[in-house]
Each structure stands twice: as C-alpha cells, then as structure tokens.
Amino acid sequence: MGDIIVKLYDETPNHRDNFIKLVENGTYEGTLFHRVIKDFMIQAGDPDSKGAPKGQMLGSGDVGYTVPAEFVYPQLFHKKGALAAARQGDNVNPEKASSGCQFYIVTGRVFNDSTLQAMEEQKTQNRFTSVFNSLAQKHMKEIYQLRRNNDQEGLMNLQDSIFGETQKLLTDEPAFKFTDEQRQAYTTVGGTPHLDGEYTVFGEVIDGMDVVDKIQQVATNASDRPDEDIVIKKVSIVED
C-alpha cells in the first residue's frame, strides 16, 4: 500500500533502541497490521501474525520481555501520526510496561474545545478517584469490620475522613489541562487524547500518513483484523 517513514524520539531511548534492534534482526518483516480500527489506530508487530491463517485471533504474540514505560508527558502525546507501544491492561500490568514488540500508529479523530474540556474534567476526577481508592485500600480491614457490624454511620465517617485526606493530598495539584500544543493538535489534525499518559509514545510518522489512512479504511472482521492481510514487507533504518 506504500511506504511509511517514522521518526523515533531520543526522549524515549529504551523504546527507540528496542525498536531499532527489532528492525535490525528482522522481527517485523512479514508481520501484519493485525488490528485496524478506523478513526482510532492501526496496530502491528505481533510475531505470531507471520503467515497466520485467515480468521486466526492475533495480538497475543510477544518477544518474551516488556519495556518499562517512558512517559514524556505532555511533550509527547497521542496526536494523529504518533507511534506508540501497545501493552497489556492495567489489571495485569499496573506499571503500564510496553509490549516488547507490538506498536500502533494513531489515526484518531478531531475534537472540539468543549469535548476536550469535558475530558480535562474527567481526568481531574479520575486522579481524585485513584488517590481516594488508594487510601481506602489501606483501611480495608476497618471497612470490612464496619460492614460486618452494619455500622453505616461509621462507614460514612470513614468515607468523609478519606475524602478529606484525598483533598489535602491534592491541594497543590492543579486541575488537569491540555497544553496549547495538545489542544492545537487535537482540534485540527486530531488524535486519541484519552490514551495520553497510559501508553508510551516513542515516535511519529513523518512521511506516508496517506498510507496509514488507506490502511485504516480497509474492511475488518469482528476482531478488527483486516479481511485481506496487510503485510509489512520490509523495515529498514534510514539515517538522517
């Protein structure tokens, strides 16, 4: 379908070096873009996708290791064309470590200012909830005892105490706000702002975004695998 040229960021050296290593040892050649979701992203890099028969579920393949998260936020974010590392979910991967090989390229969509404002408010609330839940976890024995005793007043008092402690801890934390650069990108070229701070962005497409757009338009099955295989034929390093 064409060539895609990506720039790797020096700000994420572990992901940069790992990607270069995989390119040099041929890991990606013959793999598929196995997960394609229009207006979201195209994903590739599963070693199990090489020669995979039609209909086979893909996305679980790896190279036997993960790469620690390298969040350089808000400098590096999920604008359209961003190259980022896939990973397992928070339930089994609370440190948000990246897959050793799977990656995706953001296509996303364009957002208006009011939607971004709503997302800012939600992210601020999510931060509060995360701190509250973390503090509540430290009181689980007390909570279980109050529940066993059906002590509703005690539970409410404890909840108020944890609420107040959460507020105190976040007193000096400003409400979440997108930077001017993010807002400019998300309201013009677009992207996937809800993924910021959740997945490591380690590069971006600098040529061939039209190819990415062609890929995101293909027909897919219920598992988001393209009906017709999109094969990565060759990957090479291009020096500046």
C-alpha atoms as a PDB file:
ATOM      1  CA  MET A   1       0.000   0.000   0.000  1.00  0.00           C
ATOM      2  CA  GLY A   2       3.056   2.243   0.179  1.00  0.00           C
ATOM      3  CA  ASP A   3       5.905   3.342   2.430  1.00  0.00           C
ATOM      4  CA  ILE A   4       5.633   4.758   5.946  1.00  0.00           C
ATOM      5  CA  ILE A   5       8.595   6.626   7.441  1.00  0.00           C
ATOM      6  CA  VAL A   6       8.660   7.164  11.214  1.00  0.00           C
ATOM      7  CA  LYS A   7      10.956   9.236  13.385  1.00  0.00           C
ATOM      8  CA  LEU A   8      11.986   7.693  16.722  1.00  0.00           C
ATOM      9  CA  TYR A   9      12.268  10.031  19.698  1.00  0.00           C
ATOM     10  CA  ASP A  10      15.542  10.348  21.613  1.00  0.00           C
ATOM     11  CA  GLU A  11      13.437  11.282  24.652  1.00  0.00           C
ATOM     12  CA  THR A  12      12.354   7.624  24.898  1.00  0.00           C
ATOM     13  CA  PRO A  13      15.724   5.866  24.496  1.00  0.00           C
ATOM     14  CA  ASN A  14      14.676   2.401  25.691  1.00  0.00           C
ATOM     15  CA  HIS A  15      11.799   2.203  23.223  1.00  0.00           C
ATOM     16  CA  ARG A  16      13.950   3.734  20.477  1.00  0.00           C
ATOM     17  CA  ASP A  17      16.769   1.250  20.939  1.00  0.00           C
ATOM     18  CA  ASN A  18      14.421  -1.705  21.264  1.00  0.00           C
ATOM     19  CA  PHE A  19      12.599  -0.779  18.065  1.00  0.00           C
ATOM     20  CA  ILE A  20      15.896  -0.403  16.191  1.00  0.00           C
ATOM     21  CA  LYS A  21      17.059  -3.804  17.487  1.00  0.00           C
ATOM     22  CA  LEU A  22      13.872  -5.474  16.259  1.00  0.00           C
ATOM     23  CA  VAL A  23      14.165  -3.777  12.887  1.00  0.00           C
ATOM     24  CA  GLU A  24      17.772  -4.898  12.504  1.00  0.00           C
ATOM     25  CA  ASN A  25      17.047  -8.526  13.394  1.00  0.00           C
ATOM     26  CA  GLY A  26      14.074  -8.729  11.025  1.00  0.00           C
ATOM     27  CA  THR A  27      11.407  -9.258  13.675  1.00  0.00           C
ATOM     28  CA  TYR A  28       8.846  -7.099  11.898  1.00  0.00           C
ATOM     29  CA  GLU A  29       9.275  -8.305   8.337  1.00  0.00           C
ATOM     30  CA  GLY A  30       6.361 -10.486   7.340  1.00  0.00           C
ATOM     31  CA  THR A  31       4.170  -9.431  10.276  1.00  0.00           C
ATOM     32  CA  LEU A  32       0.716  -7.976   9.718  1.00  0.00           C
ATOM     33  CA  PHE A  33      -1.195  -4.909  10.666  1.00  0.00           C
ATOM     34  CA  HIS A  34      -3.428  -7.265  12.604  1.00  0.00           C
ATOM     35  CA  ARG A  35      -5.722  -4.762  14.374  1.00  0.00           C
ATOM     36  CA  VAL A  36      -7.214  -1.829  12.498  1.00  0.00           C
ATOM     37  CA  ILE A  37      -9.879   0.481  13.927  1.00  0.00           C
ATOM     38  CA  LYS A  38     -10.943   3.430  11.804  1.00  0.00           C
ATOM     39  CA  ASP A  39     -10.576   6.821  13.474  1.00  0.00           C
ATOM     40  CA  PHE A  40      -8.520   5.222  16.240  1.00  0.00           C
ATOM     41  CA  MET A  41      -5.307   3.418  15.280  1.00  0.00           C
ATOM     42  CA  ILE A  42      -3.587   0.680  13.262  1.00  0.00           C
ATOM     43  CA  GLN A  43      -1.605  -1.927  15.228  1.00  0.00           C
ATOM     44  CA  ALA A  44       1.181  -4.299  14.183  1.00  0.00           C
ATOM     45  CA  GLY A  45       4.251  -6.138  15.457  1.00  0.00           C
ATOM     46  CA  ASP A  46       2.788  -9.468  16.640  1.00  0.00           C
ATOM     47  CA  PRO A  47       5.360 -12.158  15.701  1.00  0.00           C
ATOM     48  CA  ASP A  48       2.546 -14.732  15.622  1.00  0.00           C
ATOM     49  CA  SER A  49       0.951 -12.863  12.719  1.00  0.00           C
ATOM     50  CA  LYS A  50       3.602 -14.037  10.249  1.00  0.00           C
ATOM     51  CA  GLY A  51       1.801 -16.385   7.885  1.00  0.00           C
ATOM     52  CA  ALA A  52      -1.218 -16.540  10.189  1.00  0.00           C
ATOM     53  CA  PRO A  53      -4.198 -18.214   8.512  1.00  0.00           C
ATOM     54  CA  LYS A  54      -7.345 -16.221   7.854  1.00  0.00           C
ATOM     55  CA  GLY A  55      -9.537 -15.910  10.912  1.00  0.00           C
ATOM     56  CA  GLN A  56      -6.807 -16.644  13.459  1.00  0.00           C
ATOM     57  CA  MET A  57      -7.020 -14.424  16.522  1.00  0.00           C
ATOM     58  CA  LEU A  58      -3.919 -12.263  16.795  1.00  0.00           C
ATOM     59  CA  GLY A  59      -2.476  -9.796  19.279  1.00  0.00           C
ATOM     60  CA  SER A  60      -1.063 -12.062  21.990  1.00  0.00           C
ATOM     61  CA  GLY A  61       2.343 -12.673  20.451  1.00  0.00           C
ATOM     62  CA  ASP A  62       5.466 -11.215  22.046  1.00  0.00           C
ATOM     63  CA  VAL A  63       9.246 -11.472  22.189  1.00  0.00           C
ATOM     64  CA  GLY A  64       9.480 -12.644  25.780  1.00  0.00           C
ATOM     65  CA  TYR A  65      10.002  -9.320  27.544  1.00  0.00           C
ATOM     66  CA  THR A  66       8.426  -5.917  28.149  1.00  0.00           C
ATOM     67  CA  VAL A  67       9.870  -2.410  28.045  1.00  0.00           C
ATOM     68  CA  PRO A  68       9.366  -0.129  31.091  1.00  0.00           C
ATOM     69  CA  ALA A  69       7.029   2.779  30.407  1.00  0.00           C
ATOM     70  CA  GLU A  70       8.684   6.008  29.263  1.00  0.00           C
ATOM     71  CA  PHE A  71       6.044   8.700  29.610  1.00  0.00           C
ATOM     72  CA  VAL A  72       7.387  12.049  28.451  1.00  0.00           C
ATOM     73  CA  TYR A  73       4.172  13.899  29.017  1.00  0.00           C
ATOM     74  CA  PRO A  74       2.857  16.337  27.968  1.00  0.00           C
ATOM     75  CA  GLN A  75       5.679  16.825  25.460  1.00  0.00           C
ATOM     76  CA  LEU A  76       4.950  13.544  23.663  1.00  0.00           C
ATOM     77  CA  PHE A  77       1.282  12.828  23.162  1.00  0.00           C
ATOM     78  CA  HIS A  78      -1.214  10.927  21.017  1.00  0.00           C
ATOM     79  CA  LYS A  79      -1.646  13.292  18.076  1.00  0.00           C
ATOM     80  CA  LYS A  80      -2.508  11.829  14.689  1.00  0.00           C
ATOM     81  CA  GLY A  81       0.562  10.006  13.361  1.00  0.00           C
ATOM     82  CA  ALA A  82       2.028   9.250  16.794  1.00  0.00           C
ATOM     83  CA  LEU A  83       3.904   5.946  17.082  1.00  0.00           C
ATOM     84  CA  ALA A  84       3.215   4.260  20.419  1.00  0.00           C
ATOM     85  CA  ALA A  85       3.752   0.935  22.176  1.00  0.00           C
ATOM     86  CA  ALA A  86       0.903  -1.473  22.796  1.00  0.00           C
ATOM     87  CA  ARG A  87       0.670  -3.165  26.195  1.00  0.00           C
ATOM     88  CA  GLN A  88      -1.397  -5.405  28.414  1.00  0.00           C
ATOM     89  CA  GLY A  89      -4.137  -3.885  30.546  1.00  0.00           C
ATOM     90  CA  ASP A  90      -3.733  -2.306  33.970  1.00  0.00           C
ATOM     91  CA  ASN A  91      -5.282  -5.289  35.749  1.00  0.00           C
ATOM     92  CA  VAL A  92      -2.231  -7.431  34.922  1.00  0.00           C
ATOM     93  CA  ASN A  93       0.178  -4.598  34.156  1.00  0.00           C
ATOM     94  CA  PRO A  94      -0.210  -1.775  36.704  1.00  0.00           C
ATOM     95  CA  GLU A  95       3.194  -0.345  35.796  1.00  0.00           C
ATOM     96  CA  LYS A  96       1.966   0.147  32.197  1.00  0.00           C
ATOM     97  CA  ALA A  97       5.034  -1.591  30.768  1.00  0.00           C
ATOM     98  CA  SER A  98       5.065  -1.763  26.981  1.00  0.00           C
ATOM     99  CA  SER A  99       4.959  -4.841  24.802  1.00  0.00           C
ATOM    100  CA  GLY A 100       8.448  -5.754  23.664  1.00  0.00           C
ATOM    101  CA  CYS A 101       7.374  -5.636  20.020  1.00  0.00           C
ATOM    102  CA  GLN A 102       3.787  -4.558  19.317  1.00  0.00           C
ATOM    103  CA  PHE A 103       3.154  -0.963  18.317  1.00  0.00           C
ATOM    104  CA  TYR A 104       0.424   1.210  16.881  1.00  0.00           C
ATOM    105  CA  ILE A 105       0.111   4.363  14.803  1.00  0.00           C
ATOM    106  CA  VAL A 106      -2.586   6.821  15.857  1.00  0.00           C
ATOM    107  CA  THR A 107      -5.214   7.934  13.369  1.00  0.00           C
ATOM    108  CA  GLY A 108      -7.816   9.206  15.842  1.00  0.00           C
ATOM    109  CA  ARG A 109     -10.325  11.943  15.172  1.00  0.00           C
ATOM    110  CA  VAL A 110     -10.681  15.707  15.551  1.00  0.00           C
ATOM    111  CA  PHE A 111     -12.153  17.026  18.816  1.00  0.00           C
ATOM    112  CA  ASN A 112     -13.838  20.328  19.609  1.00  0.00           C
ATOM    113  CA  ASP A 113     -12.953  22.542  22.570  1.00  0.00           C
ATOM    114  CA  SER A 114     -15.988  21.560  24.643  1.00  0.00           C
ATOM    115  CA  THR A 115     -15.188  17.854  24.321  1.00  0.00           C
ATOM    116  CA  LEU A 116     -11.590  18.471  25.358  1.00  0.00           C
ATOM    117  CA  GLN A 117     -12.806  20.474  28.352  1.00  0.00           C
ATOM    118  CA  ALA A 118     -15.044  17.579  29.391  1.00  0.00           C
ATOM    119  CA  MET A 119     -12.066  15.237  29.081  1.00  0.00           C
ATOM    120  CA  GLU A 120      -9.979  17.554  31.263  1.00  0.00           C
ATOM    121  CA  GLU A 121     -12.648  17.469  33.948  1.00  0.00           C
ATOM    122  CA  GLN A 122     -12.885  13.688  33.714  1.00  0.00           C
ATOM    123  CA  LYS A 123      -9.116  13.272  34.023  1.00  0.00           C
ATOM    124  CA  THR A 124      -9.110  15.524  37.110  1.00  0.00           C
ATOM    125  CA  GLN A 125     -11.899  13.433  38.617  1.00  0.00           C
ATOM    126  CA  ASN A 126     -10.088  10.193  37.724  1.00  0.00           C
ATOM    127  CA  ARG A 127      -6.994  11.413  39.557  1.00  0.00           C
ATOM    128  CA  PHE A 128      -9.063  12.170  42.658  1.00  0.00           C
ATOM    129  CA  THR A 129     -10.747   8.760  42.467  1.00  0.00           C
ATOM    130  CA  SER A 130      -7.408   6.988  42.091  1.00  0.00           C
ATOM    131  CA  VAL A 131      -5.964   8.662  45.202  1.00  0.00           C
ATOM    132  CA  PHE A 132      -9.184   8.068  47.163  1.00  0.00           C
ATOM    133  CA  ASN A 133      -9.236   4.373  46.262  1.00  0.00           C
ATOM    134  CA  SER A 134      -5.569   4.006  47.167  1.00  0.00           C
ATOM    135  CA  LEU A 135      -6.208   5.478  50.608  1.00  0.00           C
ATOM    136  CA  ALA A 136      -9.350   3.409  51.081  1.00  0.00           C
ATOM    137  CA  GLN A 137      -7.346   0.265  50.354  1.00  0.00           C
ATOM    138  CA  LYS A 138      -5.281   0.961  53.469  1.00  0.00           C
ATOM    139  CA  HIS A 139      -8.478   0.910  55.561  1.00  0.00           C
ATOM    140  CA  MET A 140      -9.948  -2.316  54.158  1.00  0.00           C
ATOM    141  CA  LYS A 141      -9.863  -4.223  57.449  1.00  0.00           C
ATOM    142  CA  GLU A 142     -11.679  -1.375  59.171  1.00  0.00           C
ATOM    143  CA  ILE A 143     -14.183  -1.134  56.316  1.00  0.00           C
ATOM    144  CA  TYR A 144     -14.911  -4.878  56.437  1.00  0.00           C
ATOM    145  CA  GLN A 145     -15.425  -4.689  60.195  1.00  0.00           C
ATOM    146  CA  LEU A 146     -17.815  -1.746  59.895  1.00  0.00           C
ATOM    147  CA  ARG A 147     -19.744  -3.597  57.205  1.00  0.00           C
ATOM    148  CA  ARG A 148     -19.980  -6.731  59.344  1.00  0.00           C
ATOM    149  CA  ASN A 149     -21.325  -4.599  62.156  1.00  0.00           C
ATOM    150  CA  ASN A 150     -23.705  -2.844  59.745  1.00  0.00           C
ATOM    151  CA  ASP A 151     -22.298   0.420  61.080  1.00  0.00           C
ATOM    152  CA  GLN A 152     -23.478   2.851  58.396  1.00  0.00           C
ATOM    153  CA  GLU A 153     -22.587   5.914  60.432  1.00  0.00           C
ATOM    154  CA  GLY A 154     -19.057   4.598  60.955  1.00  0.00           C
ATOM    155  CA  LEU A 155     -18.705   3.906  57.240  1.00  0.00           C
ATOM    156  CA  MET A 156     -19.872   7.421  56.354  1.00  0.00           C
ATOM    157  CA  ASN A 157     -17.484   8.968  58.867  1.00  0.00           C
ATOM    158  CA  LEU A 158     -14.581   6.947  57.479  1.00  0.00           C
ATOM    159  CA  GLN A 159     -15.546   7.896  53.929  1.00  0.00           C
ATOM    160  CA  ASP A 160     -15.599  11.582  54.896  1.00  0.00           C
ATOM    161  CA  SER A 161     -12.193  11.194  56.555  1.00  0.00           C
ATOM    162  CA  ILE A 162     -10.664   9.568  53.464  1.00  0.00           C
ATOM    163  CA  PHE A 163     -12.313  12.191  51.262  1.00  0.00           C
ATOM    164  CA  GLY A 164     -10.738  14.958  53.327  1.00  0.00           C
ATOM    165  CA  GLU A 165      -7.339  13.272  53.255  1.00  0.00           C
ATOM    166  CA  THR A 166      -7.564  12.963  49.481  1.00  0.00           C
ATOM    167  CA  GLN A 167      -8.386  16.652  49.133  1.00  0.00           C
ATOM    168  CA  LYS A 168      -5.432  17.544  51.352  1.00  0.00           C
ATOM    169  CA  LEU A 169      -3.028  15.423  49.298  1.00  0.00           C
ATOM    170  CA  LEU A 170      -4.228  17.039  46.060  1.00  0.00           C
ATOM    171  CA  THR A 171      -4.333  20.608  47.402  1.00  0.00           C
ATOM    172  CA  ASP A 172      -1.244  21.638  45.449  1.00  0.00           C
ATOM    173  CA  GLU A 173      -2.182  19.617  42.351  1.00  0.00           C
ATOM    174  CA  PRO A 174      -3.688  21.837  39.644  1.00  0.00           C
ATOM    175  CA  ALA A 175      -6.676  20.604  37.679  1.00  0.00           C
ATOM    176  CA  PHE A 176      -5.695  18.658  34.576  1.00  0.00           C
ATOM    177  CA  LYS A 177      -5.315  20.825  31.479  1.00  0.00           C
ATOM    178  CA  PHE A 178      -4.191  20.036  27.957  1.00  0.00           C
ATOM    179  CA  THR A 179      -1.264  22.157  26.792  1.00  0.00           C
ATOM    180  CA  ASP A 180      -1.721  24.684  23.996  1.00  0.00           C
ATOM    181  CA  GLU A 181       0.218  22.342  21.686  1.00  0.00           C
ATOM    182  CA  GLN A 182      -2.063  19.423  22.522  1.00  0.00           C
ATOM    183  CA  ARG A 183      -5.215  21.473  22.123  1.00  0.00           C
ATOM    184  CA  GLN A 184      -4.000  22.786  18.770  1.00  0.00           C
ATOM    185  CA  ALA A 185      -3.255  19.278  17.508  1.00  0.00           C
ATOM    186  CA  TYR A 186      -6.400  17.625  18.832  1.00  0.00           C
ATOM    187  CA  THR A 187      -8.677  20.307  17.351  1.00  0.00           C
ATOM    188  CA  THR A 188      -7.001  20.319  13.916  1.00  0.00           C
ATOM    189  CA  VAL A 189      -5.291  17.073  12.852  1.00  0.00           C
ATOM    190  CA  GLY A 190      -6.848  15.050  15.685  1.00  0.00           C
ATOM    191  CA  GLY A 191      -5.630  12.116  17.726  1.00  0.00           C
ATOM    192  CA  THR A 192      -6.580   9.984  20.732  1.00  0.00           C
ATOM    193  CA  PRO A 193      -6.189  12.196  23.823  1.00  0.00           C
ATOM    194  CA  HIS A 194      -7.718   9.624  26.195  1.00  0.00           C
ATOM    195  CA  LEU A 195      -4.594   7.466  25.710  1.00  0.00           C
ATOM    196  CA  ASP A 196      -2.201  10.165  26.939  1.00  0.00           C
ATOM    197  CA  GLY A 197      -0.245   9.064  29.978  1.00  0.00           C
ATOM    198  CA  GLU A 198      -1.442   5.487  29.538  1.00  0.00           C
ATOM    199  CA  TYR A 199       0.736   4.237  26.662  1.00  0.00           C
ATOM    200  CA  THR A 200       4.296   5.227  25.740  1.00  0.00           C
ATOM    201  CA  VAL A 201       4.577   7.461  22.672  1.00  0.00           C
ATOM    202  CA  PHE A 202       8.040   6.951  21.184  1.00  0.00           C
ATOM    203  CA  GLY A 203       7.898   8.336  17.641  1.00  0.00           C
ATOM    204  CA  GLU A 204       5.782   9.776  14.871  1.00  0.00           C
ATOM    205  CA  VAL A 205       5.079   9.380  11.182  1.00  0.00           C
ATOM    206  CA  ILE A 206       6.974  11.976   9.139  1.00  0.00           C
ATOM    207  CA  ASP A 207       6.051  10.647   5.691  1.00  0.00           C
ATOM    208  CA  GLY A 208       3.403   8.235   4.460  1.00  0.00           C
ATOM    209  CA  MET A 209       0.437   9.278   6.578  1.00  0.00           C
ATOM    210  CA  ASP A 210      -1.645   8.812   3.438  1.00  0.00           C
ATOM    211  CA  VAL A 211      -0.681   5.131   3.584  1.00  0.00           C
ATOM    212  CA  VAL A 212      -1.756   4.945   7.226  1.00  0.00           C
ATOM    213  CA  ASP A 213      -5.086   6.496   6.231  1.00  0.00           C
ATOM    214  CA  LYS A 214      -5.517   3.927   3.451  1.00  0.00           C
ATOM    215  CA  ILE A 215      -4.888   1.116   5.908  1.00  0.00           C
ATOM    216  CA  GLN A 216      -7.440   2.416   8.405  1.00  0.00           C
ATOM    217  CA  GLN A 217     -10.106   2.333   5.694  1.00  0.00           C
ATOM    218  CA  VAL A 218      -9.879  -1.409   4.950  1.00  0.00           C
ATOM    219  CA  ALA A 219     -12.653  -3.861   5.807  1.00  0.00           C
ATOM    220  CA  THR A 220     -12.118  -5.817   9.021  1.00  0.00           C
ATOM    221  CA  ASN A 221     -13.736  -8.717  10.857  1.00  0.00           C
ATOM    222  CA  ALA A 222     -15.319  -8.718  14.326  1.00  0.00           C
ATOM    223  CA  SER A 223     -11.817  -8.906  15.891  1.00  0.00           C
ATOM    224  CA  ASP A 224     -10.655  -5.817  13.935  1.00  0.00           C
ATOM    225  CA  ARG A 225      -8.337  -7.927  11.779  1.00  0.00           C
ATOM    226  CA  PRO A 226      -8.315  -6.797   8.141  1.00  0.00           C
ATOM    227  CA  ASP A 227     -10.173  -9.184   5.808  1.00  0.00           C
ATOM    228  CA  GLU A 228      -7.206  -9.006   3.440  1.00  0.00           C
ATOM    229  CA  ASP A 229      -3.758  -9.277   5.037  1.00  0.00           C
ATOM    230  CA  ILE A 230      -1.712  -6.084   5.191  1.00  0.00           C
ATOM    231  CA  VAL A 231       1.852  -7.347   5.365  1.00  0.00           C
ATOM    232  CA  ILE A 232       4.908  -5.397   6.488  1.00  0.00           C
ATOM    233  CA  LYS A 233       7.217  -6.437   3.668  1.00  0.00           C
ATOM    234  CA  LYS A 234      10.399  -4.667   4.673  1.00  0.00           C
ATOM    235  CA  VAL A 235      11.622  -2.438   7.512  1.00  0.00           C
ATOM    236  CA  SER A 236      14.932  -0.594   7.487  1.00  0.00           C
ATOM    237  CA  ILE A 237      16.761   2.179   9.309  1.00  0.00           C
ATOM    238  CA  VAL A 238      17.114   5.461   7.441  1.00  0.00           C
ATOM    239  CA  GLU A 239      19.875   7.645   8.790  1.00  0.00           C
ATOM    240  CA  ASP A 240      19.425  11.445   8.936  1.00  0.00           C
END
